[in-house]
PDB file of N, CA and C in Angstrom:
ATOM      1  N   MET A   1     -53.288 151.754 -44.208  1.00  0.00           N
ATOM      2  CA  MET A   1     -51.954 152.450 -44.660  1.00  0.00           C
ATOM      3  C   MET A   1     -51.049 150.897 -45.499  1.00  0.00           C
ATOM      4  N   GLN A   2     -50.252 151.820 -45.800  1.00  0.00           N
ATOM      5  CA  GLN A   2     -49.632 150.933 -47.226  1.00  0.00           C
ATOM      6  C   GLN A   2     -48.027 150.222 -45.961  1.00  0.00           C
ATOM      7  N   GLN A   3     -47.885 149.272 -46.065  1.00  0.00           N
ATOM      8  CA  GLN A   3     -46.855 148.296 -45.304  1.00  0.00           C
ATOM      9  C   GLN A   3     -45.146 147.759 -46.478  1.00  0.00           C
ATOM     10  N   ASN A   4     -44.960 148.410 -46.257  1.00  0.00           N
ATOM     11  CA  ASN A   4     -43.411 147.876 -47.202  1.00  0.00           C
ATOM     12  C   ASN A   4     -41.974 147.364 -46.142  1.00  0.00           C
ATOM     13  N   THR A   5     -41.499 146.144 -47.006  1.00  0.00           N
ATOM     14  CA  THR A   5     -40.354 144.975 -46.709  1.00  0.00           C
ATOM     15  C   THR A   5     -39.590 146.010 -47.009  1.00  0.00           C
ATOM     16  N   ILE A   6     -38.680 146.055 -46.069  1.00  0.00           N
ATOM     17  CA  ILE A   6     -37.149 146.857 -46.807  1.00  0.00           C
ATOM     18  C   ILE A   6     -36.283 145.380 -46.212  1.00  0.00           C
ATOM     19  N   ILE A   7     -34.791 145.263 -46.942  1.00  0.00           N
ATOM     20  CA  ILE A   7     -34.312 144.573 -47.300  1.00  0.00           C
ATOM     21  C   ILE A   7     -32.974 144.639 -47.457  1.00  0.00           C
ATOM     22  N   PHE A   8     -31.935 144.818 -46.770  1.00  0.00           N
ATOM     23  CA  PHE A   8     -30.249 145.114 -47.268  1.00  0.00           C
ATOM     24  C   PHE A   8     -29.576 144.182 -47.205  1.00  0.00           C
ATOM     25  N   HIS A   9     -28.879 143.758 -48.374  1.00  0.00           N
ATOM     26  CA  HIS A   9     -28.029 143.094 -48.721  1.00  0.00           C
ATOM     27  C   HIS A   9     -26.350 143.273 -48.711  1.00  0.00           C
ATOM     28  N   ASN A  10     -25.616 143.176 -48.397  1.00  0.00           N
ATOM     29  CA  ASN A  10     -24.250 143.666 -48.985  1.00  0.00           C
ATOM     30  C   ASN A  10     -23.571 142.133 -49.295  1.00  0.00           C
ATOM     31  N   ASP A  11     -23.685 142.250 -50.508  1.00  0.00           N
ATOM     32  CA  ASP A  11     -22.941 140.579 -51.027  1.00  0.00           C
ATOM     33  C   ASP A  11     -22.861 141.148 -52.380  1.00  0.00           C
ATOM     34  N   ASP A  12     -21.644 140.165 -53.477  1.00  0.00           N
ATOM     35  CA  ASP A  12     -22.004 140.428 -54.535  1.00  0.00           C
ATOM     36  C   ASP A  12     -23.308 140.868 -55.562  1.00  0.00           C
ATOM     37  N   TYR A  13     -22.854 141.890 -56.698  1.00  0.00           N
ATOM     38  CA  TYR A  13     -24.049 141.840 -56.968  1.00  0.00           C
ATOM     39  C   TYR A  13     -24.934 140.948 -57.684  1.00  0.00           C
ATOM     40  N   ILE A  14     -23.656 140.394 -58.548  1.00  0.00           N
ATOM     41  CA  ILE A  14     -23.961 138.470 -59.351  1.00  0.00           C
ATOM     42  C   ILE A  14     -24.693 138.096 -58.775  1.00  0.00           C
ATOM     43  N   ASP A  15     -24.282 138.074 -57.518  1.00  0.00           N
ATOM     44  CA  ASP A  15     -24.400 136.678 -56.766  1.00  0.00           C
ATOM     45  C   ASP A  15     -26.422 137.125 -56.124  1.00  0.00           C
ATOM     46  N   PHE A  16     -26.297 138.176 -55.693  1.00  0.00           N
ATOM     47  CA  PHE A  16     -27.305 138.698 -54.486  1.00  0.00           C
ATOM     48  C   PHE A  16     -28.484 138.555 -56.431  1.00  0.00           C
ATOM     49  N   LEU A  17     -27.973 139.165 -57.205  1.00  0.00           N
ATOM     50  CA  LEU A  17     -29.399 138.903 -58.409  1.00  0.00           C
ATOM     51  C   LEU A  17     -29.302 137.166 -59.089  1.00  0.00           C
ATOM     52  N   ASN A  18     -28.416 137.003 -59.003  1.00  0.00           N
ATOM     53  CA  ASN A  18     -28.641 135.463 -59.359  1.00  0.00           C
ATOM     54  C   ASN A  18     -30.000 134.769 -57.813  1.00  0.00           C
ATOM     55  N   HIS A  19     -29.961 135.196 -56.795  1.00  0.00           N
ATOM     56  CA  HIS A  19     -30.572 134.705 -55.936  1.00  0.00           C
ATOM     57  C   HIS A  19     -32.033 135.318 -55.439  1.00  0.00           C
ATOM     58  N   THR A  20     -32.169 136.430 -56.316  1.00  0.00           N
ATOM     59  CA  THR A  20     -33.325 137.223 -56.106  1.00  0.00           C
ATOM     60  C   THR A  20     -34.667 136.881 -57.379  1.00  0.00           C
ATOM     61  N   THR A  21     -35.615 136.777 -56.447  1.00  0.00           N
ATOM     62  CA  THR A  21     -37.096 136.986 -57.418  1.00  0.00           C
ATOM     63  C   THR A  21     -37.285 138.441 -56.760  1.00  0.00           C
ATOM     64  N   TYR A  22     -38.119 139.363 -57.955  1.00  0.00           N
ATOM     65  CA  TYR A  22     -38.494 140.591 -58.127  1.00  0.00           C
ATOM     66  C   TYR A  22     -39.705 140.516 -58.533  1.00  0.00           C
ATOM     67  N   LEU A  23     -40.171 141.423 -57.745  1.00  0.00           N
ATOM     68  CA  LEU A  23     -41.697 141.702 -58.524  1.00  0.00           C
ATOM     69  C   LEU A  23     -41.453 143.473 -58.615  1.00  0.00           C
ATOM     70  N   LYS A  24     -42.638 143.591 -59.568  1.00  0.00           N
ATOM     71  CA  LYS A  24     -42.683 145.173 -60.072  1.00  0.00           C
ATOM     72  C   LYS A  24     -43.225 145.592 -59.173  1.00  0.00           C
ATOM     73  N   ASN A  25     -42.052 147.061 -59.634  1.00  0.00           N
ATOM     74  CA  ASN A  25     -41.947 147.914 -58.463  1.00  0.00           C
ATOM     75  C   ASN A  25     -40.947 147.658 -57.147  1.00  0.00           C
ATOM     76  N   ASP A  26     -40.518 146.459 -57.193  1.00  0.00           N
ATOM     77  CA  ASP A  26     -39.130 146.400 -56.131  1.00  0.00           C
ATOM     78  C   ASP A  26     -38.565 147.720 -56.532  1.00  0.00           C
ATOM     79  N   TYR A  27     -37.438 148.035 -55.514  1.00  0.00           N
ATOM     80  CA  TYR A  27     -36.098 148.779 -55.772  1.00  0.00           C
ATOM     81  C   TYR A  27     -34.939 148.792 -55.598  1.00  0.00           C
ATOM     82  N   VAL A  28     -34.145 148.382 -55.972  1.00  0.00           N
ATOM     83  CA  VAL A  28     -32.661 148.013 -55.751  1.00  0.00           C
ATOM     84  C   VAL A  28     -31.919 149.292 -56.263  1.00  0.00           C
ATOM     85  N   TYR A  29     -31.033 149.559 -54.921  1.00  0.00           N
ATOM     86  CA  TYR A  29     -29.875 150.266 -55.130  1.00  0.00           C
ATOM     87  C   TYR A  29     -28.589 149.775 -54.942  1.00  0.00           C
ATOM     88  N   PHE A  30     -27.839 150.461 -56.305  1.00  0.00           N
ATOM     89  CA  PHE A  30     -26.236 149.859 -56.112  1.00  0.00           C
ATOM     90  C   PHE A  30     -25.420 151.447 -56.094  1.00  0.00           C
ATOM     91  N   ASP A  31     -24.348 151.010 -55.526  1.00  0.00           N
ATOM     92  CA  ASP A  31     -23.086 151.592 -55.271  1.00  0.00           C
ATOM     93  C   ASP A  31     -22.229 151.208 -55.292  1.00  0.00           C
ATOM     94  N   PRO A  32     -21.432 151.155 -56.819  1.00  0.00           N
ATOM     95  CA  PRO A  32     -20.592 150.241 -57.613  1.00  0.00           C
ATOM     96  C   PRO A  32     -19.257 151.169 -57.112  1.00  0.00           C
ATOM     97  N   PRO A  33     -17.987 149.925 -57.391  1.00  0.00           N
ATOM     98  CA  PRO A  33     -16.857 150.656 -56.978  1.00  0.00           C
ATOM     99  C   PRO A  33     -17.054 151.894 -58.411  1.00  0.00           C
ATOM    100  N   TYR A  34     -16.214 152.493 -58.640  1.00  0.00           N
ATOM    101  CA  TYR A  34     -15.928 153.752 -59.687  1.00  0.00           C
ATOM    102  C   TYR A  34     -15.195 153.705 -60.281  1.00  0.00           C
ATOM    103  N   LEU A  35     -15.638 153.823 -61.362  1.00  0.00           N
ATOM    104  CA  LEU A  35     -14.215 153.313 -63.056  1.00  0.00           C
ATOM    105  C   LEU A  35     -12.781 154.052 -62.854  1.00  0.00           C
ATOM    106  N   ILE A  36     -13.704 155.571 -62.434  1.00  0.00           N
ATOM    107  CA  ILE A  36     -12.534 156.504 -62.818  1.00  0.00           C
ATOM    108  C   ILE A  36     -12.491 157.330 -61.500  1.00  0.00           C
ATOM    109  N   SER A  37     -12.087 156.283 -60.447  1.00  0.00           N
ATOM    110  CA  SER A  37     -11.310 156.595 -58.877  1.00  0.00           C
ATOM    111  C   SER A  37     -10.529 155.723 -58.645  1.00  0.00           C
ATOM    112  N   ASN A  38      -9.443 155.375 -57.977  1.00  0.00           N
ATOM    113  CA  ASN A  38      -8.160 155.554 -57.463  1.00  0.00           C
ATOM    114  C   ASN A  38      -7.986 154.304 -56.134  1.00  0.00           C
ATOM    115  N   SER A  39      -9.287 154.057 -55.945  1.00  0.00           N
ATOM    116  CA  SER A  39      -9.952 153.996 -54.225  1.00  0.00           C
ATOM    117  C   SER A  39      -8.979 152.232 -54.107  1.00  0.00           C
ATOM    118  N   GLU A  40      -8.751 151.708 -53.412  1.00  0.00           N
ATOM    119  CA  GLU A  40      -8.192 150.315 -52.938  1.00  0.00           C
ATOM    120  C   GLU A  40      -9.091 149.438 -53.635  1.00  0.00           C
ATOM    121  N   TYR A  41     -10.733 149.588 -53.386  1.00  0.00           N
ATOM    122  CA  TYR A  41     -11.662 148.617 -53.532  1.00  0.00           C
ATOM    123  C   TYR A  41     -11.925 148.252 -54.730  1.00  0.00           C
ATOM    124  N   ASN A  42     -11.612 149.577 -55.983  1.00  0.00           N
ATOM    125  CA  ASN A  42     -11.700 149.804 -57.321  1.00  0.00           C
ATOM    126  C   ASN A  42     -11.053 149.331 -58.280  1.00  0.00           C
ATOM    127  N   LYS A  43      -9.928 148.400 -57.735  1.00  0.00           N
ATOM    128  CA  LYS A  43      -8.296 148.310 -58.858  1.00  0.00           C
ATOM    129  C   LYS A  43      -9.391 146.877 -59.565  1.00  0.00           C
ATOM    130  N   LEU A  44     -10.446 146.118 -58.972  1.00  0.00           N
ATOM    131  CA  LEU A  44     -10.656 145.066 -60.047  1.00  0.00           C
ATOM    132  C   LEU A  44     -11.856 145.585 -60.606  1.00  0.00           C
ATOM    133  N   TRP A  45     -12.480 146.636 -60.545  1.00  0.00           N
ATOM    134  CA  TRP A  45     -12.756 147.161 -61.479  1.00  0.00           C
ATOM    135  C   TRP A  45     -12.620 147.945 -62.757  1.00  0.00           C
ATOM    136  N   ASP A  46     -13.100 147.170 -64.215  1.00  0.00           N
ATOM    137  CA  ASP A  46     -12.946 147.414 -65.081  1.00  0.00           C
ATOM    138  C   ASP A  46     -13.739 147.941 -66.024  1.00  0.00           C
ATOM    139  N   SER A  47     -13.393 148.347 -67.160  1.00  0.00           N
ATOM    140  CA  SER A  47     -14.755 148.539 -68.222  1.00  0.00           C
ATOM    141  C   SER A  47     -16.019 147.568 -68.844  1.00  0.00           C
ATOM    142  N   ASP A  48     -15.365 146.094 -68.434  1.00  0.00           N
ATOM    143  CA  ASP A  48     -15.931 145.193 -69.037  1.00  0.00           C
ATOM    144  C   ASP A  48     -17.227 144.938 -67.214  1.00  0.00           C
ATOM    145  N   ASN A  49     -16.469 145.109 -66.186  1.00  0.00           N
ATOM    146  CA  ASN A  49     -17.606 144.828 -65.150  1.00  0.00           C
ATOM    147  C   ASN A  49     -18.429 146.162 -65.327  1.00  0.00           C
ATOM    148  N   GLU A  50     -18.336 147.284 -65.356  1.00  0.00           N
ATOM    149  CA  GLU A  50     -19.299 147.964 -65.751  1.00  0.00           C
ATOM    150  C   GLU A  50     -20.084 148.341 -66.924  1.00  0.00           C
ATOM    151  N   ILE A  51     -19.749 147.697 -68.408  1.00  0.00           N
ATOM    152  CA  ILE A  51     -20.701 147.800 -68.818  1.00  0.00           C
ATOM    153  C   ILE A  51     -21.652 146.407 -68.384  1.00  0.00           C
ATOM    154  N   ALA A  52     -21.334 145.585 -67.711  1.00  0.00           N
ATOM    155  CA  ALA A  52     -21.998 143.929 -67.355  1.00  0.00           C
ATOM    156  C   ALA A  52     -23.555 144.645 -66.186  1.00  0.00           C
ATOM    157  N   LEU A  53     -22.730 145.652 -65.560  1.00  0.00           N
ATOM    158  CA  LEU A  53     -23.850 146.007 -64.277  1.00  0.00           C
ATOM    159  C   LEU A  53     -24.397 146.963 -65.156  1.00  0.00           C
ATOM    160  N   TYR A  54     -24.794 147.744 -66.349  1.00  0.00           N
ATOM    161  CA  TYR A  54     -25.614 148.645 -67.055  1.00  0.00           C
ATOM    162  C   TYR A  54     -26.449 147.719 -67.831  1.00  0.00           C
ATOM    163  N   GLY A  55     -25.751 146.495 -68.197  1.00  0.00           N
ATOM    164  CA  GLY A  55     -26.569 145.534 -68.805  1.00  0.00           C
ATOM    165  C   GLY A  55     -28.017 144.887 -68.025  1.00  0.00           C
ATOM    166  N   VAL A  56     -27.041 144.677 -66.746  1.00  0.00           N
ATOM    167  CA  VAL A  56     -28.141 144.266 -65.350  1.00  0.00           C
ATOM    168  C   VAL A  56     -29.112 144.906 -64.890  1.00  0.00           C
ATOM    169  N   LEU A  57     -29.178 146.194 -65.037  1.00  0.00           N
ATOM    170  CA  LEU A  57     -29.963 147.321 -64.651  1.00  0.00           C
ATOM    171  C   LEU A  57     -30.705 147.851 -65.868  1.00  0.00           C
ATOM    172  N   ASP A  58     -30.519 147.689 -67.008  1.00  0.00           N
ATOM    173  CA  ASP A  58     -31.254 147.693 -68.192  1.00  0.00           C
ATOM    174  C   ASP A  58     -32.246 146.639 -68.101  1.00  0.00           C
ATOM    175  N   SER A  59     -31.924 145.231 -68.029  1.00  0.00           N
ATOM    176  CA  SER A  59     -32.462 143.930 -67.608  1.00  0.00           C
ATOM    177  C   SER A  59     -33.583 144.113 -66.046  1.00  0.00           C
ATOM    178  N   LEU A  60     -33.570 144.655 -65.307  1.00  0.00           N
ATOM    179  CA  LEU A  60     -34.044 145.322 -64.485  1.00  0.00           C
ATOM    180  C   LEU A  60     -35.604 146.147 -64.676  1.00  0.00           C
ATOM    181  N   ASP A  61     -35.171 147.217 -65.711  1.00  0.00           N
ATOM    182  CA  ASP A  61     -35.502 148.058 -65.691  1.00  0.00           C
ATOM    183  C   ASP A  61     -37.130 147.267 -66.277  1.00  0.00           C
ATOM    184  N   LYS A  62     -36.297 146.500 -67.670  1.00  0.00           N
ATOM    185  CA  LYS A  62     -37.703 146.306 -68.635  1.00  0.00           C
ATOM    186  C   LYS A  62     -38.524 145.078 -67.752  1.00  0.00           C
ATOM    187  N   LYS A  63     -38.015 144.565 -66.432  1.00  0.00           N
ATOM    188  CA  LYS A  63     -38.804 143.534 -65.578  1.00  0.00           C
ATOM    189  C   LYS A  63     -39.956 144.483 -64.586  1.00  0.00           C
ATOM    190  N   GLY A  64     -39.602 146.015 -64.796  1.00  0.00           N
ATOM    191  CA  GLY A  64     -40.194 146.597 -63.831  1.00  0.00           C
ATOM    192  C   GLY A  64     -39.439 147.130 -62.542  1.00  0.00           C
ATOM    193  N   VAL A  65     -38.380 146.713 -62.436  1.00  0.00           N
ATOM    194  CA  VAL A  65     -37.934 146.625 -60.878  1.00  0.00           C
ATOM    195  C   VAL A  65     -37.241 148.190 -61.304  1.00  0.00           C
ATOM    196  N   LEU A  66     -37.600 149.155 -60.029  1.00  0.00           N
ATOM    197  CA  LEU A  66     -37.068 150.490 -59.533  1.00  0.00           C
ATOM    198  C   LEU A  66     -35.632 150.215 -59.373  1.00  0.00           C
ATOM    199  N   PHE A  67     -34.634 150.935 -59.954  1.00  0.00           N
ATOM    200  CA  PHE A  67     -33.411 150.874 -59.254  1.00  0.00           C
ATOM    201  C   PHE A  67     -32.643 152.706 -59.260  1.00  0.00           C
ATOM    202  N   GLY A  68     -31.296 152.568 -58.312  1.00  0.00           N
ATOM    203  CA  GLY A  68     -31.175 153.742 -58.498  1.00  0.00           C
ATOM    204  C   GLY A  68     -29.383 153.658 -58.288  1.00  0.00           C
ATOM    205  N   ILE A  69     -28.977 153.743 -58.725  1.00  0.00           N
ATOM    206  CA  ILE A  69     -27.077 153.992 -58.781  1.00  0.00           C
ATOM    207  C   ILE A  69     -26.338 155.014 -58.316  1.00  0.00           C
ATOM    208  N   THR A  70     -25.810 155.639 -57.920  1.00  0.00           N
ATOM    209  CA  THR A  70     -24.418 156.639 -57.674  1.00  0.00           C
ATOM    210  C   THR A  70     -23.232 156.281 -58.603  1.00  0.00           C
ATOM    211  N   ASN A  71     -22.779 157.102 -59.506  1.00  0.00           N
ATOM    212  CA  ASN A  71     -21.142 156.964 -59.498  1.00  0.00           C
ATOM    213  C   ASN A  71     -20.655 157.978 -60.051  1.00  0.00           C
ATOM    214  N   LEU A  72     -19.673 158.430 -60.335  1.00  0.00           N
ATOM    215  CA  LEU A  72     -18.669 159.389 -60.843  1.00  0.00           C
ATOM    216  C   LEU A  72     -18.741 159.657 -62.389  1.00  0.00           C
ATOM    217  N   VAL A  73     -19.209 160.733 -62.638  1.00  0.00           N
ATOM    218  CA  VAL A  73     -18.986 160.970 -63.796  1.00  0.00           C
ATOM    219  C   VAL A  73     -17.772 161.124 -64.811  1.00  0.00           C
ATOM    220  N   TYR A  74     -17.097 162.619 -63.441  1.00  0.00           N
ATOM    221  CA  TYR A  74     -15.998 163.066 -64.063  1.00  0.00           C
ATOM    222  C   TYR A  74     -15.414 163.269 -62.587  1.00  0.00           C
ATOM    223  N   HIS A  75     -13.935 163.184 -62.797  1.00  0.00           N
ATOM    224  CA  HIS A  75     -12.864 162.881 -61.799  1.00  0.00           C
ATOM    225  C   HIS A  75     -11.739 163.281 -62.482  1.00  0.00           C
ATOM    226  N   LYS A  76     -10.726 164.125 -61.489  1.00  0.00           N
ATOM    227  CA  LYS A  76      -9.388 164.048 -61.845  1.00  0.00           C
ATOM    228  C   LYS A  76      -9.141 164.672 -63.151  1.00  0.00           C
ATOM    229  N   GLY A  77     -10.173 165.171 -64.230  1.00  0.00           N
ATOM    230  CA  GLY A  77      -9.810 165.206 -65.447  1.00  0.00           C
ATOM    231  C   GLY A  77     -10.401 163.881 -66.211  1.00  0.00           C
ATOM    232  N   GLU A  78     -10.834 163.126 -65.825  1.00  0.00           N
ATOM    233  CA  GLU A  78     -11.378 161.360 -66.440  1.00  0.00           C
ATOM    234  C   GLU A  78     -13.030 161.638 -66.313  1.00  0.00           C
ATOM    235  N   THR A  79     -13.477 160.874 -67.486  1.00  0.00           N
ATOM    236  CA  THR A  79     -14.833 161.107 -67.960  1.00  0.00           C
ATOM    237  C   THR A  79     -15.173 159.767 -68.299  1.00  0.00           C
ATOM    238  N   ASN A  80     -16.326 159.312 -67.283  1.00  0.00           N
ATOM    239  CA  ASN A  80     -16.536 158.060 -67.113  1.00  0.00           C
ATOM    240  C   ASN A  80     -17.448 157.883 -68.650  1.00  0.00           C
ATOM    241  N   PHE A  81     -17.420 157.472 -69.230  1.00  0.00           N
ATOM    242  CA  PHE A  81     -18.265 157.817 -70.794  1.00  0.00           C
ATOM    243  C   PHE A  81     -19.236 156.564 -70.909  1.00  0.00           C
ATOM    244  N   ILE A  82     -18.500 155.559 -70.248  1.00  0.00           N
ATOM    245  CA  ILE A  82     -19.424 154.007 -70.196  1.00  0.00           C
ATOM    246  C   ILE A  82     -20.579 154.855 -69.640  1.00  0.00           C
ATOM    247  N   LEU A  83     -20.550 155.439 -68.498  1.00  0.00           N
ATOM    248  CA  LEU A  83     -21.616 156.101 -67.383  1.00  0.00           C
ATOM    249  C   LEU A  83     -22.674 156.881 -68.079  1.00  0.00           C
ATOM    250  N   LYS A  84     -21.935 157.975 -68.847  1.00  0.00           N
ATOM    251  CA  LYS A  84     -22.096 159.110 -69.308  1.00  0.00           C
ATOM    252  C   LYS A  84     -23.313 158.820 -70.250  1.00  0.00           C
ATOM    253  N   GLU A  85     -22.947 158.119 -71.433  1.00  0.00           N
ATOM    254  CA  GLU A  85     -23.499 157.381 -72.465  1.00  0.00           C
ATOM    255  C   GLU A  85     -24.966 156.815 -72.198  1.00  0.00           C
ATOM    256  N   TRP A  86     -24.669 155.518 -71.191  1.00  0.00           N
ATOM    257  CA  TRP A  86     -25.901 154.724 -70.588  1.00  0.00           C
ATOM    258  C   TRP A  86     -26.828 155.767 -69.741  1.00  0.00           C
ATOM    259  N   ALA A  87     -26.562 156.550 -68.935  1.00  0.00           N
ATOM    260  CA  ALA A  87     -27.666 157.018 -67.982  1.00  0.00           C
ATOM    261  C   ALA A  87     -27.839 157.970 -68.914  1.00  0.00           C
ATOM    262  N   LYS A  88     -28.032 158.037 -70.313  1.00  0.00           N
ATOM    263  CA  LYS A  88     -29.207 159.029 -71.301  1.00  0.00           C
ATOM    264  C   LYS A  88     -30.555 158.789 -71.314  1.00  0.00           C
ATOM    265  N   LYS A  89     -30.359 157.351 -71.103  1.00  0.00           N
ATOM    266  CA  LYS A  89     -31.845 156.945 -71.122  1.00  0.00           C
ATOM    267  C   LYS A  89     -32.773 156.559 -70.339  1.00  0.00           C
ATOM    268  N   TYR A  90     -31.892 157.147 -68.729  1.00  0.00           N
ATOM    269  CA  TYR A  90     -32.934 157.476 -67.482  1.00  0.00           C
ATOM    270  C   TYR A  90     -33.181 158.507 -67.164  1.00  0.00           C
ATOM    271  N   TYR A  91     -32.910 158.822 -65.991  1.00  0.00           N
ATOM    272  CA  TYR A  91     -33.267 160.259 -65.233  1.00  0.00           C
ATOM    273  C   TYR A  91     -31.429 160.238 -64.270  1.00  0.00           C
ATOM    274  N   ILE A  92     -31.693 161.783 -64.890  1.00  0.00           N
ATOM    275  CA  ILE A  92     -30.256 161.680 -64.013  1.00  0.00           C
ATOM    276  C   ILE A  92     -30.208 163.254 -62.789  1.00  0.00           C
ATOM    277  N   PHE A  93     -29.843 162.994 -61.799  1.00  0.00           N
ATOM    278  CA  PHE A  93     -29.579 163.919 -60.812  1.00  0.00           C
ATOM    279  C   PHE A  93     -28.133 164.130 -60.330  1.00  0.00           C
ATOM    280  N   ASN A  94     -27.739 165.710 -60.486  1.00  0.00           N
ATOM    281  CA  ASN A  94     -26.071 165.591 -60.017  1.00  0.00           C
ATOM    282  C   ASN A  94     -26.403 165.547 -58.686  1.00  0.00           C
ATOM    283  N   ILE A  95     -25.236 165.198 -57.813  1.00  0.00           N
ATOM    284  CA  ILE A  95     -25.405 165.301 -56.380  1.00  0.00           C
ATOM    285  C   ILE A  95     -24.567 166.190 -55.696  1.00  0.00           C
ATOM    286  N   LYS A  96     -24.986 167.156 -55.218  1.00  0.00           N
ATOM    287  CA  LYS A  96     -23.957 168.216 -54.886  1.00  0.00           C
ATOM    288  C   LYS A  96     -23.343 168.235 -53.918  1.00  0.00           C
ATOM    289  N   SER A  97     -21.923 167.644 -54.030  1.00  0.00           N
ATOM    290  CA  SER A  97     -21.186 167.590 -52.794  1.00  0.00           C
ATOM    291  C   SER A  97     -19.462 167.552 -53.177  1.00  0.00           C
ATOM    292  N   ASN A  98     -18.733 167.646 -52.324  1.00  0.00           N
ATOM    293  CA  ASN A  98     -17.426 167.467 -52.535  1.00  0.00           C
ATOM    294  C   ASN A  98     -16.630 166.301 -52.211  1.00  0.00           C
ATOM    295  N   TYR A  99     -16.466 165.223 -53.226  1.00  0.00           N
ATOM    296  CA  TYR A  99     -16.063 164.351 -53.339  1.00  0.00           C
ATOM    297  C   TYR A  99     -14.473 164.195 -52.363  1.00  0.00           C
ATOM    298  N   ILE A 100     -14.340 163.704 -51.455  1.00  0.00           N
ATOM    299  CA  ILE A 100     -12.862 163.794 -50.599  1.00  0.00           C
ATOM    300  C   ILE A 100     -12.447 162.668 -51.002  1.00  0.00           C
ATOM    301  N   SER A 101     -11.242 162.802 -51.206  1.00  0.00           N
ATOM    302  CA  SER A 101     -10.076 161.425 -51.716  1.00  0.00           C
ATOM    303  C   SER A 101      -9.651 160.449 -50.828  1.00  0.00           C
ATOM    304  N   TYR A 102      -9.846 159.370 -50.763  1.00  0.00           N
ATOM    305  CA  TYR A 102      -9.310 158.931 -49.447  1.00  0.00           C
ATOM    306  C   TYR A 102      -7.662 158.638 -49.250  1.00  0.00           C
ATOM    307  N   ASN A 103      -7.156 158.374 -50.515  1.00  0.00           N
ATOM    308  CA  ASN A 103      -5.786 158.253 -51.071  1.00  0.00           C
ATOM    309  C   ASN A 103      -5.143 159.387 -50.224  1.00  0.00           C
ATOM    310  N   ASP A 104      -5.542 160.826 -50.740  1.00  0.00           N
ATOM    311  CA  ASP A 104      -5.123 161.859 -50.091  1.00  0.00           C
ATOM    312  C   ASP A 104      -5.646 162.407 -48.997  1.00  0.00           C
ATOM    313  N   ASN A 105      -6.958 162.658 -49.079  1.00  0.00           N
ATOM    314  CA  ASN A 105      -7.857 163.384 -47.840  1.00  0.00           C
ATOM    315  C   ASN A 105      -8.161 164.659 -48.686  1.00  0.00           C
ATOM    316  N   THR A 106      -7.866 165.005 -49.664  1.00  0.00           N
ATOM    317  CA  THR A 106      -8.222 166.196 -49.914  1.00  0.00           C
ATOM    318  C   THR A 106      -9.256 166.354 -50.819  1.00  0.00           C
ATOM    319  N   ILE A 107      -9.824 167.166 -50.799  1.00  0.00           N
ATOM    320  CA  ILE A 107     -11.202 167.823 -51.793  1.00  0.00           C
ATOM    321  C   ILE A 107     -11.299 167.691 -53.433  1.00  0.00           C
ATOM    322  N   LYS A 108     -11.961 166.698 -53.569  1.00  0.00           N
ATOM    323  CA  LYS A 108     -11.948 167.213 -55.133  1.00  0.00           C
ATOM    324  C   LYS A 108     -12.624 167.940 -56.025  1.00  0.00           C
ATOM    325  N   GLU A 109     -12.854 169.232 -56.552  1.00  0.00           N
ATOM    326  CA  GLU A 109     -13.761 170.030 -56.665  1.00  0.00           C
ATOM    327  C   GLU A 109     -13.982 169.613 -58.141  1.00  0.00           C
ATOM    328  N   ASP A 110     -13.223 169.707 -58.879  1.00  0.00           N
ATOM    329  CA  ASP A 110     -13.382 168.970 -60.139  1.00  0.00           C
ATOM    330  C   ASP A 110     -13.590 167.521 -60.570  1.00  0.00           C
ATOM    331  N   SER A 111     -14.755 166.741 -59.426  1.00  0.00           N
ATOM    332  CA  SER A 111     -15.200 165.404 -59.548  1.00  0.00           C
ATOM    333  C   SER A 111     -16.710 165.748 -59.531  1.00  0.00           C
ATOM    334  N   GLN A 112     -17.290 164.916 -60.151  1.00  0.00           N
ATOM    335  CA  GLN A 112     -19.109 165.228 -60.185  1.00  0.00           C
ATOM    336  C   GLN A 112     -20.180 163.923 -60.385  1.00  0.00           C
ATOM    337  N   GLU A 113     -20.406 163.629 -59.098  1.00  0.00           N
ATOM    338  CA  GLU A 113     -21.189 162.085 -58.836  1.00  0.00           C
ATOM    339  C   GLU A 113     -22.361 162.462 -59.268  1.00  0.00           C
ATOM    340  N   ILE A 114     -23.485 161.204 -59.672  1.00  0.00           N
ATOM    341  CA  ILE A 114     -24.495 161.448 -60.546  1.00  0.00           C
ATOM    342  C   ILE A 114     -25.197 160.107 -59.536  1.00  0.00           C
ATOM    343  N   PHE A 115     -27.118 160.684 -59.579  1.00  0.00           N
ATOM    344  CA  PHE A 115     -27.702 159.391 -59.480  1.00  0.00           C
ATOM    345  C   PHE A 115     -28.548 159.204 -60.419  1.00  0.00           C
ATOM    346  N   VAL A 116     -28.533 157.526 -61.247  1.00  0.00           N
ATOM    347  CA  VAL A 116     -29.105 157.637 -62.139  1.00  0.00           C
ATOM    348  C   VAL A 116     -30.219 157.018 -61.733  1.00  0.00           C
ATOM    349  N   THR A 117     -31.731 156.651 -62.061  1.00  0.00           N
ATOM    350  CA  THR A 117     -32.888 156.235 -61.801  1.00  0.00           C
ATOM    351  C   THR A 117     -33.646 156.294 -62.482  1.00  0.00           C
ATOM    352  N   ASN A 118     -34.523 154.719 -62.650  1.00  0.00           N
ATOM    353  CA  ASN A 118     -35.301 154.528 -63.677  1.00  0.00           C
ATOM    354  C   ASN A 118     -36.663 155.461 -63.358  1.00  0.00           C
ATOM    355  N   TYR A 119     -37.243 155.937 -62.714  1.00  0.00           N
ATOM    356  CA  TYR A 119     -37.938 156.538 -62.200  1.00  0.00           C
ATOM    357  C   TYR A 119     -38.212 157.785 -61.529  1.00  0.00           C
ATOM    358  N   ARG A 120     -39.284 158.749 -61.352  1.00  0.00           N
ATOM    359  CA  ARG A 120     -38.804 159.799 -61.047  1.00  0.00           C
ATOM    360  C   ARG A 120     -40.277 160.357 -59.813  1.00  0.00           C
TER     361      ARG A 120
END
């Protein structure tokens, strides 16, 4: 029987990545702040952070590290074009859910969250 070691971290992703050694087929899941939503914890996240994160994921992919990331591609009439373009080279799965805004507790039916992976 195959045994897997699972370790959870709750760190700044840059600090985490700088202190981690990866083996081929390791798996890393990212749930970053959403560039196009207005939640309080997203205020310090900008397009430069978004681009840097996708560069990191491309680098992990080249090392054979498996990854998954969730993010909003559409929200309140806005489109995350950085995500939309970057994700084309990977596998994209639409997450079927109603996004509920923390700010006003309403369902945002015009929102689309996706799960992007480099594996099937």
